[in-house]
């Protein structure tokens, strides 16, 4: 996914952006609701996604770019949002 800045995100008609992580052994994908600032993360070991509130779009971008999705989630998302 190419990096999107806030202005590009605002222009997008769809309010939810979804990505699939083929390279992660722990996370199968994530989606971001740009209006509600909700980040949903789907783990391979769970049927229901975890949902995090008031997440900046920059965190969604960083998750997409992270070499290890699991490490990034543990260090930057859990306990913060």
Protein backbone atom coordinates (compact mmCIF):
# COMPACT_ATOMS: atom_id res chain seq x y z
CA UNK A 1 0.00 0.00 0.00
CA UNK A 2 1.48 3.34 -0.94
CA UNK A 3 1.86 5.87 1.85
CA UNK A 4 -1.14 8.20 2.06
CA UNK A 5 -0.99 11.54 3.78
CA UNK A 6 -3.96 13.05 5.60
CA UNK A 7 -5.07 15.21 2.65
CA UNK A 8 -5.05 12.24 0.26
CA UNK A 9 -7.00 10.21 2.80
CA UNK A 10 -9.58 12.98 3.14
CA UNK A 11 -10.16 12.98 -0.62
CA UNK A 12 -10.91 9.27 -0.75
CA UNK A 13 -14.61 8.50 -1.16
CA UNK A 14 -14.48 5.25 0.76
CA UNK A 15 -14.40 5.74 4.50
CA UNK A 16 -12.77 2.37 5.22
CA UNK A 17 -9.37 1.26 3.95
CA UNK A 18 -8.46 -2.43 4.21
CA UNK A 19 -5.15 -4.17 3.72
CA UNK A 20 -4.10 -7.82 3.70
CA UNK A 21 -0.81 -8.91 5.24
CA UNK A 22 0.45 -11.89 3.27
CA UNK A 23 3.88 -11.64 4.88
CA UNK A 24 2.75 -11.85 8.53
CA UNK A 25 2.54 -15.10 10.48
CA UNK A 26 0.31 -13.51 13.15
CA UNK A 27 -1.89 -10.88 11.48
CA UNK A 28 -4.02 -11.54 8.42
CA UNK A 29 -5.12 -7.95 7.82
CA UNK A 30 -6.32 -4.61 9.10
CA UNK A 31 -8.85 -1.95 8.24
CA UNK A 32 -9.08 1.71 9.15
CA UNK A 33 -12.25 3.81 9.34
CA UNK A 34 -11.05 7.30 8.52
CA UNK A 35 -14.09 9.09 9.95
CA UNK A 36 -14.38 7.17 13.22
CA UNK A 37 -10.59 6.70 13.57
CA UNK A 38 -11.11 3.01 14.32
CA UNK A 39 -8.44 0.47 13.57
CA UNK A 40 -9.53 -3.16 13.26
CA UNK A 41 -6.85 -5.83 13.29
CA UNK A 42 -7.61 -9.40 12.26
CA UNK A 43 -5.33 -11.96 13.86
CA UNK A 44 -4.98 -15.38 12.24
CA UNK A 45 -5.73 -17.05 15.57
CA UNK A 46 -9.10 -15.29 16.14
CA UNK A 47 -12.41 -15.15 14.32
CA UNK A 48 -13.30 -11.64 15.50
CA UNK A 49 -10.98 -8.66 14.95
CA UNK A 50 -9.65 -6.47 17.71
CA UNK A 51 -10.94 -2.90 17.37
CA UNK A 52 -9.01 0.12 18.63
CA UNK A 53 -10.53 3.61 18.97
CA UNK A 54 -9.07 7.08 18.33
CA UNK A 55 -6.15 5.78 16.31
CA UNK A 56 -4.34 8.29 14.10
CA UNK A 57 -4.03 7.39 10.43
CA UNK A 58 -0.26 7.55 10.78
CA UNK A 59 -0.38 4.45 13.01
CA UNK A 60 -2.26 2.55 10.29
CA UNK A 61 0.43 3.54 7.78
CA UNK A 62 3.21 2.52 10.17
CA UNK A 63 1.53 -0.84 10.78
CA UNK A 64 1.44 -1.44 7.04
CA UNK A 65 5.13 -0.56 6.75
CA UNK A 66 6.27 -2.48 9.85
CA UNK A 67 8.66 -5.35 9.23
CA UNK A 68 6.99 -7.31 12.03
CA UNK A 69 3.27 -6.61 12.41
CA UNK A 70 3.09 -8.44 15.75
CA UNK A 71 5.98 -6.52 17.28
CA UNK A 72 4.55 -3.21 16.06
CA UNK A 73 1.12 -4.01 17.49
CA UNK A 74 2.62 -4.98 20.85
CA UNK A 75 4.86 -1.92 21.07
CA UNK A 76 2.75 0.82 19.46
CA UNK A 77 -0.94 -0.13 19.72
CA UNK A 78 -1.75 -2.43 22.66
CA UNK A 79 -2.19 -0.45 25.83
CA UNK A 80 -2.12 2.84 23.91
CA UNK A 81 -5.45 2.79 22.04
